[in-house]
Amino acid sequence: MTYRPGTYGLSVLGVADDEPRIICDGCGLVYRLRTDRPPPRWFLDGKSPRGWWRRGPSDAREDSCPQCVMTGRAR
């Protein structure tokens, strides 16, 4: 999965305004992080959300969402 922080006012640099989010490395599914509470424990612990599939070492891992796992698109 790829983490993208909340970004605002950077459109002149080509970065879209958006909330903090995690993006599936397989299909691009966006998992939005709530901004009215701390990040989920799994995120702070460097883990994947429940049901996501992980492959590779921690410094170059790829995480795929349950949809990718079910359809066989998980890398």
PDB file of N, CA and C in Angstrom:
ATOM      1  N   MET A   1       0.839  -1.165   0.000  1.00  0.00           N
ATOM      2  CA  MET A   1       0.000   0.000   0.000  1.00  0.00           C
ATOM      3  C   MET A   1       0.878   1.219   0.000  1.00  0.00           C
ATOM      4  N   THR A   2       0.340   2.270  -0.497  1.00  0.00           N
ATOM      5  CA  THR A   2       1.058   3.533  -0.562  1.00  0.00           C
ATOM      6  C   THR A   2       0.338   4.531   0.315  1.00  0.00           C
ATOM      7  N   TYR A   3       1.057   5.201   1.183  1.00  0.00           N
ATOM      8  CA  TYR A   3       0.461   6.220   2.050  1.00  0.00           C
ATOM      9  C   TYR A   3       0.624   7.579   1.398  1.00  0.00           C
ATOM     10  N   ARG A   4      -0.461   8.329   1.360  1.00  0.00           N
ATOM     11  CA  ARG A   4      -0.424   9.707   0.868  1.00  0.00           C
ATOM     12  C   ARG A   4      -0.967  10.596   1.980  1.00  0.00           C
ATOM     13  N   PRO A   5      -0.187  11.553   2.440  1.00  0.00           N
ATOM     14  CA  PRO A   5      -0.667  12.442   3.499  1.00  0.00           C
ATOM     15  C   PRO A   5      -1.727  13.400   2.962  1.00  0.00           C
ATOM     16  N   GLY A   6      -2.421  14.051   3.856  1.00  0.00           N
ATOM     17  CA  GLY A   6      -3.364  15.079   3.428  1.00  0.00           C
ATOM     18  C   GLY A   6      -2.599  16.217   2.772  1.00  0.00           C
ATOM     19  N   THR A   7      -3.072  16.649   1.632  1.00  0.00           N
ATOM     20  CA  THR A   7      -2.387  17.719   0.903  1.00  0.00           C
ATOM     21  C   THR A   7      -3.399  18.789   0.521  1.00  0.00           C
ATOM     22  N   TYR A   8      -3.021  20.036   0.721  1.00  0.00           N
ATOM     23  CA  TYR A   8      -3.893  21.160   0.404  1.00  0.00           C
ATOM     24  C   TYR A   8      -3.056  22.309  -0.130  1.00  0.00           C
ATOM     25  N   GLY A   9      -3.533  22.944  -1.186  1.00  0.00           N
ATOM     26  CA  GLY A   9      -2.845  24.105  -1.731  1.00  0.00           C
ATOM     27  C   GLY A   9      -1.621  23.797  -2.571  1.00  0.00           C
ATOM     28  N   LEU A  10      -1.457  22.538  -2.972  1.00  0.00           N
ATOM     29  CA  LEU A  10      -0.294  22.173  -3.786  1.00  0.00           C
ATOM     30  C   LEU A  10      -0.653  21.913  -5.248  1.00  0.00           C
ATOM     31  N   SER A  11      -1.836  22.344  -5.651  1.00  0.00           N
ATOM     32  CA  SER A  11      -2.271  22.075  -7.023  1.00  0.00           C
ATOM     33  C   SER A  11      -1.356  22.721  -8.064  1.00  0.00           C
ATOM     34  N   VAL A  12      -0.687  23.810  -7.710  1.00  0.00           N
ATOM     35  CA  VAL A  12       0.251  24.442  -8.643  1.00  0.00           C
ATOM     36  C   VAL A  12       1.430  23.528  -8.939  1.00  0.00           C
ATOM     37  N   LEU A  13       1.669  22.552  -8.043  1.00  0.00           N
ATOM     38  CA  LEU A  13       2.750  21.582  -8.247  1.00  0.00           C
ATOM     39  C   LEU A  13       2.240  20.274  -8.843  1.00  0.00           C
ATOM     40  N   GLY A  14       0.933  20.220  -9.119  1.00  0.00           N
ATOM     41  CA  GLY A  14       0.351  19.011  -9.698  1.00  0.00           C
ATOM     42  C   GLY A  14      -0.092  17.984  -8.669  1.00  0.00           C
ATOM     43  N   VAL A  15      -0.166  18.381  -7.394  1.00  0.00           N
ATOM     44  CA  VAL A  15      -0.601  17.477  -6.330  1.00  0.00           C
ATOM     45  C   VAL A  15      -2.038  17.838  -5.966  1.00  0.00           C
ATOM     46  N   ALA A  16      -2.945  16.872  -6.123  1.00  0.00           N
ATOM     47  CA  ALA A  16      -4.360  17.130  -5.870  1.00  0.00           C
ATOM     48  C   ALA A  16      -4.633  17.316  -4.384  1.00  0.00           C
ATOM     49  N   ASP A  17      -5.599  18.190  -4.055  1.00  0.00           N
ATOM     50  CA  ASP A  17      -6.044  18.353  -2.678  1.00  0.00           C
ATOM     51  C   ASP A  17      -6.806  17.098  -2.276  1.00  0.00           C
ATOM     52  N   ASP A  18      -6.460  16.527  -1.139  1.00  0.00           N
ATOM     53  CA  ASP A  18      -7.146  15.327  -0.678  1.00  0.00           C
ATOM     54  C   ASP A  18      -6.806  15.067   0.778  1.00  0.00           C
ATOM     55  N   GLU A  19      -7.609  14.226   1.407  1.00  0.00           N
ATOM     56  CA  GLU A  19      -7.413  13.815   2.794  1.00  0.00           C
ATOM     57  C   GLU A  19      -6.310  12.758   2.862  1.00  0.00           C
ATOM     58  N   PRO A  20      -5.790  12.465   4.061  1.00  0.00           N
ATOM     59  CA  PRO A  20      -4.815  11.373   4.197  1.00  0.00           C
ATOM     60  C   PRO A  20      -5.443  10.059   3.717  1.00  0.00           C
ATOM     61  N   ARG A  21      -4.660   9.247   3.008  1.00  0.00           N
ATOM     62  CA  ARG A  21      -5.216   8.030   2.420  1.00  0.00           C
ATOM     63  C   ARG A  21      -4.153   6.974   2.210  1.00  0.00           C
ATOM     64  N   ILE A  22      -4.616   5.746   2.098  1.00  0.00           N
ATOM     65  CA  ILE A  22      -3.761   4.612   1.785  1.00  0.00           C
ATOM     66  C   ILE A  22      -4.311   4.017   0.502  1.00  0.00           C
ATOM     67  N   ILE A  23      -3.422   3.703  -0.438  1.00  0.00           N
ATOM     68  CA  ILE A  23      -3.834   3.238  -1.756  1.00  0.00           C
ATOM     69  C   ILE A  23      -3.320   1.829  -1.985  1.00  0.00           C
ATOM     70  N   CYS A  24      -4.206   0.941  -2.446  1.00  0.00           N
ATOM     71  CA  CYS A  24      -3.828  -0.441  -2.747  1.00  0.00           C
ATOM     72  C   CYS A  24      -2.801  -0.453  -3.866  1.00  0.00           C
ATOM     73  N   ASP A  25      -1.736  -1.241  -3.703  1.00  0.00           N
ATOM     74  CA  ASP A  25      -0.704  -1.342  -4.735  1.00  0.00           C
ATOM     75  C   ASP A  25      -1.183  -2.150  -5.938  1.00  0.00           C
ATOM     76  N   GLY A  26      -2.266  -2.939  -5.766  1.00  0.00           N
ATOM     77  CA  GLY A  26      -2.768  -3.759  -6.863  1.00  0.00           C
ATOM     78  C   GLY A  26      -3.728  -3.011  -7.769  1.00  0.00           C
ATOM     79  N   CYS A  27      -4.870  -2.579  -7.206  1.00  0.00           N
ATOM     80  CA  CYS A  27      -5.924  -2.000  -8.032  1.00  0.00           C
ATOM     81  C   CYS A  27      -6.125  -0.504  -7.834  1.00  0.00           C
ATOM     82  N   GLY A  28      -5.496   0.065  -6.822  1.00  0.00           N
ATOM     83  CA  GLY A  28      -5.641   1.494  -6.584  1.00  0.00           C
ATOM     84  C   GLY A  28      -6.794   1.863  -5.668  1.00  0.00           C
ATOM     85  N   LEU A  29      -7.428   0.883  -5.016  1.00  0.00           N
ATOM     86  CA  LEU A  29      -8.492   1.162  -4.064  1.00  0.00           C
ATOM     87  C   LEU A  29      -7.981   2.134  -3.014  1.00  0.00           C
ATOM     88  N   VAL A  30      -8.779   3.139  -2.684  1.00  0.00           N
ATOM     89  CA  VAL A  30      -8.366   4.151  -1.721  1.00  0.00           C
ATOM     90  C   VAL A  30      -9.042   3.893  -0.383  1.00  0.00           C
ATOM     91  N   TYR A  31      -8.235   3.784   0.671  1.00  0.00           N
ATOM     92  CA  TYR A  31      -8.698   3.629   2.036  1.00  0.00           C
ATOM     93  C   TYR A  31      -8.428   4.963   2.712  1.00  0.00           C
ATOM     94  N   ARG A  32      -9.468   5.701   3.023  1.00  0.00           N
ATOM     95  CA  ARG A  32      -9.306   7.034   3.612  1.00  0.00           C
ATOM     96  C   ARG A  32      -9.100   6.940   5.114  1.00  0.00           C
ATOM     97  N   LEU A  33      -8.138   7.701   5.620  1.00  0.00           N
ATOM     98  CA  LEU A  33      -7.883   7.757   7.053  1.00  0.00           C
ATOM     99  C   LEU A  33      -8.718   8.886   7.648  1.00  0.00           C
ATOM    100  N   ARG A  34      -9.367   8.610   8.754  1.00  0.00           N
ATOM    101  CA  ARG A  34     -10.185   9.628   9.407  1.00  0.00           C
ATOM    102  C   ARG A  34      -9.285  10.675  10.025  1.00  0.00           C
ATOM    103  N   THR A  35      -9.695  11.931   9.912  1.00  0.00           N
ATOM    104  CA  THR A  35      -8.874  13.016  10.449  1.00  0.00           C
ATOM    105  C   THR A  35      -9.364  13.484  11.816  1.00  0.00           C
ATOM    106  N   ASP A  36     -10.483  12.961  12.291  1.00  0.00           N
ATOM    107  CA  ASP A  36     -11.012  13.380  13.584  1.00  0.00           C
ATOM    108  C   ASP A  36     -10.569  12.467  14.726  1.00  0.00           C
ATOM    109  N   ARG A  37      -9.634  11.572  14.446  1.00  0.00           N
ATOM    110  CA  ARG A  37      -9.093  10.663  15.466  1.00  0.00           C
ATOM    111  C   ARG A  37      -7.680  10.262  15.061  1.00  0.00           C
ATOM    112  N   PRO A  38      -6.933   9.653  15.971  1.00  0.00           N
ATOM    113  CA  PRO A  38      -5.570   9.211  15.624  1.00  0.00           C
ATOM    114  C   PRO A  38      -5.612   8.148  14.518  1.00  0.00           C
ATOM    115  N   PRO A  39      -4.504   7.959  13.797  1.00  0.00           N
ATOM    116  CA  PRO A  39      -4.460   6.906  12.773  1.00  0.00           C
ATOM    117  C   PRO A  39      -4.725   5.538  13.401  1.00  0.00           C
ATOM    118  N   PRO A  40      -5.225   4.585  12.625  1.00  0.00           N
ATOM    119  CA  PRO A  40      -5.480   3.242  13.155  1.00  0.00           C
ATOM    120  C   PRO A  40      -4.196   2.606  13.690  1.00  0.00           C
ATOM    121  N   ARG A  41      -4.347   1.748  14.687  1.00  0.00           N
ATOM    122  CA  ARG A  41      -3.210   1.081  15.325  1.00  0.00           C
ATOM    123  C   ARG A  41      -2.397   0.281  14.304  1.00  0.00           C
ATOM    124  N   TRP A  42      -3.073  -0.410  13.363  1.00  0.00           N
ATOM    125  CA  TRP A  42      -2.350  -1.212  12.377  1.00  0.00           C
ATOM    126  C   TRP A  42      -1.429  -0.335  11.542  1.00  0.00           C
ATOM    127  N   PHE A  43      -1.853   0.887  11.272  1.00  0.00           N
ATOM    128  CA  PHE A  43      -1.041   1.802  10.479  1.00  0.00           C
ATOM    129  C   PHE A  43       0.191   2.228  11.265  1.00  0.00           C
ATOM    130  N   LEU A  44       0.005   2.582  12.527  1.00  0.00           N
ATOM    131  CA  LEU A  44       1.131   3.009  13.365  1.00  0.00           C
ATOM    132  C   LEU A  44       2.117   1.872  13.615  1.00  0.00           C
ATOM    133  N   ASP A  45       1.626   0.634  13.633  1.00  0.00           N
ATOM    134  CA  ASP A  45       2.473  -0.529  13.858  1.00  0.00           C
ATOM    135  C   ASP A  45       3.149  -1.029  12.579  1.00  0.00           C
ATOM    136  N   GLY A  46       2.892  -0.371  11.446  1.00  0.00           N
ATOM    137  CA  GLY A  46       3.512  -0.777  10.184  1.00  0.00           C
ATOM    138  C   GLY A  46       2.919  -2.038   9.591  1.00  0.00           C
ATOM    139  N   LYS A  47       1.660  -2.327   9.914  1.00  0.00           N
ATOM    140  CA  LYS A  47       1.002  -3.525   9.413  1.00  0.00           C
ATOM    141  C   LYS A  47      -0.003  -3.162   8.337  1.00  0.00           C
ATOM    142  N   SER A  48      -0.578  -4.174   7.726  1.00  0.00           N
ATOM    143  CA  SER A  48      -1.632  -3.979   6.733  1.00  0.00           C
ATOM    144  C   SER A  48      -2.985  -4.046   7.420  1.00  0.00           C
ATOM    145  N   PRO A  49      -4.020  -3.438   6.819  1.00  0.00           N
ATOM    146  CA  PRO A  49      -5.362  -3.592   7.376  1.00  0.00           C
ATOM    147  C   PRO A  49      -5.791  -5.058   7.324  1.00  0.00           C
ATOM    148  N   ARG A  50      -6.718  -5.436   8.181  1.00  0.00           N
ATOM    149  CA  ARG A  50      -7.224  -6.807   8.205  1.00  0.00           C
ATOM    150  C   ARG A  50      -7.749  -7.190   6.820  1.00  0.00           C
ATOM    151  N   GLY A  51      -7.351  -8.365   6.343  1.00  0.00           N
ATOM    152  CA  GLY A  51      -7.809  -8.864   5.054  1.00  0.00           C
ATOM    153  C   GLY A  51      -6.914  -8.499   3.874  1.00  0.00           C
ATOM    154  N   TRP A  52      -5.967  -7.593   4.071  1.00  0.00           N
ATOM    155  CA  TRP A  52      -5.050  -7.226   2.996  1.00  0.00           C
ATOM    156  C   TRP A  52      -3.923  -8.245   2.928  1.00  0.00           C
ATOM    157  N   TRP A  53      -3.339  -8.397   1.739  1.00  0.00           N
ATOM    158  CA  TRP A  53      -2.279  -9.371   1.503  1.00  0.00           C
ATOM    159  C   TRP A  53      -0.964  -8.631   1.360  1.00  0.00           C
ATOM    160  N   ARG A  54       0.084  -9.138   2.002  1.00  0.00           N
ATOM    161  CA  ARG A  54       1.401  -8.493   1.980  1.00  0.00           C
ATOM    162  C   ARG A  54       2.424  -9.394   1.312  1.00  0.00           C
ATOM    163  N   ARG A  55       3.306  -8.777   0.533  1.00  0.00           N
ATOM    164  CA  ARG A  55       4.382  -9.514  -0.133  1.00  0.00           C
ATOM    165  C   ARG A  55       5.633  -8.656  -0.134  1.00  0.00           C
ATOM    166  N   GLY A  56       6.771  -9.283   0.140  1.00  0.00           N
ATOM    167  CA  GLY A  56       8.055  -8.590   0.078  1.00  0.00           C
ATOM    168  C   GLY A  56       8.546  -8.133   1.431  1.00  0.00           C
ATOM    169  N   PRO A  57       9.813  -7.710   1.482  1.00  0.00           N
ATOM    170  CA  PRO A  57      10.400  -7.234   2.739  1.00  0.00           C
ATOM    171  C   PRO A  57       9.776  -5.906   3.156  1.00  0.00           C
ATOM    172  N   SER A  58       9.899  -5.561   4.419  1.00  0.00           N
ATOM    173  CA  SER A  58       9.233  -4.374   4.953  1.00  0.00           C
ATOM    174  C   SER A  58       9.644  -3.086   4.252  1.00  0.00           C
ATOM    175  N   ASP A  59      10.863  -3.000   3.744  1.00  0.00           N
ATOM    176  CA  ASP A  59      11.296  -1.761   3.092  1.00  0.00           C
ATOM    177  C   ASP A  59      10.855  -1.656   1.632  1.00  0.00           C
ATOM    178  N   ALA A  60      10.381  -2.738   1.045  1.00  0.00           N
ATOM    179  CA  ALA A  60       9.933  -2.704  -0.353  1.00  0.00           C
ATOM    180  C   ALA A  60       8.674  -3.545  -0.537  1.00  0.00           C
ATOM    181  N   ARG A  61       7.852  -3.615   0.492  1.00  0.00           N
ATOM    182  CA  ARG A  61       6.685  -4.494   0.438  1.00  0.00           C
ATOM    183  C   ARG A  61       5.593  -3.950  -0.459  1.00  0.00           C
ATOM    184  N   GLU A  62       4.728  -4.845  -0.877  1.00  0.00           N
ATOM    185  CA  GLU A  62       3.533  -4.484  -1.632  1.00  0.00           C
ATOM    186  C   GLU A  62       2.349  -5.046  -0.869  1.00  0.00           C
ATOM    187  N   ASP A  63       1.315  -4.244  -0.697  1.00  0.00           N
ATOM    188  CA  ASP A  63       0.109  -4.670   0.000  1.00  0.00           C
ATOM    189  C   ASP A  63      -1.066  -4.552  -0.962  1.00  0.00           C
ATOM    190  N   SER A  64      -1.890  -5.586  -0.994  1.00  0.00           N
ATOM    191  CA  SER A  64      -3.057  -5.606  -1.874  1.00  0.00           C
ATOM    192  C   SER A  64      -4.325  -5.773  -1.046  1.00  0.00           C
ATOM    193  N   CYS A  65      -5.381  -5.115  -1.468  1.00  0.00           N
ATOM    194  CA  CYS A  65      -6.650  -5.127  -0.748  1.00  0.00           C
ATOM    195  C   CYS A  65      -7.364  -6.471  -0.910  1.00  0.00           C
ATOM    196  N   PRO A  66      -8.394  -6.727  -0.103  1.00  0.00           N
ATOM    197  CA  PRO A  66      -9.140  -7.982  -0.209  1.00  0.00           C
ATOM    198  C   PRO A  66      -9.735  -8.212  -1.606  1.00  0.00           C
ATOM    199  N   GLN A  67     -10.123  -7.134  -2.293  1.00  0.00           N
ATOM    200  CA  GLN A  67     -10.677  -7.265  -3.644  1.00  0.00           C
ATOM    201  C   GLN A  67      -9.631  -7.861  -4.588  1.00  0.00           C
ATOM    202  N   CYS A  68      -8.395  -7.423  -4.495  1.00  0.00           N
ATOM    203  CA  CYS A  68      -7.320  -7.963  -5.337  1.00  0.00           C
ATOM    204  C   CYS A  68      -7.036  -9.422  -4.983  1.00  0.00           C
ATOM    205  N   VAL A  69      -7.079  -9.724  -3.681  1.00  0.00           N
ATOM    206  CA  VAL A  69      -6.828 -11.089  -3.244  1.00  0.00           C
ATOM    207  C   VAL A  69      -7.901 -12.008  -3.798  1.00  0.00           C
ATOM    208  N   MET A  70      -9.157 -11.607  -3.720  1.00  0.00           N
ATOM    209  CA  MET A  70     -10.268 -12.444  -4.192  1.00  0.00           C
ATOM    210  C   MET A  70     -10.266 -12.629  -5.710  1.00  0.00           C
ATOM    211  N   THR A  71      -9.856 -11.618  -6.450  1.00  0.00           N
ATOM    212  CA  THR A  71      -9.872 -11.696  -7.908  1.00  0.00           C
ATOM    213  C   THR A  71      -8.556 -12.194  -8.497  1.00  0.00           C
ATOM    214  N   GLY A  72      -7.562 -12.443  -7.636  1.00  0.00           N
ATOM    215  CA  GLY A  72      -6.275 -12.947  -8.112  1.00  0.00           C
ATOM    216  C   GLY A  72      -5.369 -11.867  -8.660  1.00  0.00           C
ATOM    217  N   ARG A  73      -5.683 -10.609  -8.438  1.00  0.00           N
ATOM    218  CA  ARG A  73      -4.848  -9.516  -8.945  1.00  0.00           C
ATOM    219  C   ARG A  73      -3.720  -9.150  -7.993  1.00  0.00           C
ATOM    220  N   ALA A  74      -3.722  -9.752  -6.800  1.00  0.00           N
ATOM    221  CA  ALA A  74      -2.658  -9.438  -5.823  1.00  0.00           C
ATOM    222  C   ALA A  74      -1.319  -9.831  -6.425  1.00  0.00           C
ATOM    223  N   ARG A  75      -0.376  -8.920  -6.372  1.00  0.00           N
ATOM    224  CA  ARG A  75       0.942  -9.157  -6.983  1.00  0.00           C
ATOM    225  C   ARG A  75       1.715 -10.175  -6.199  1.00  0.00           C
TER     226      ARG A  75
END
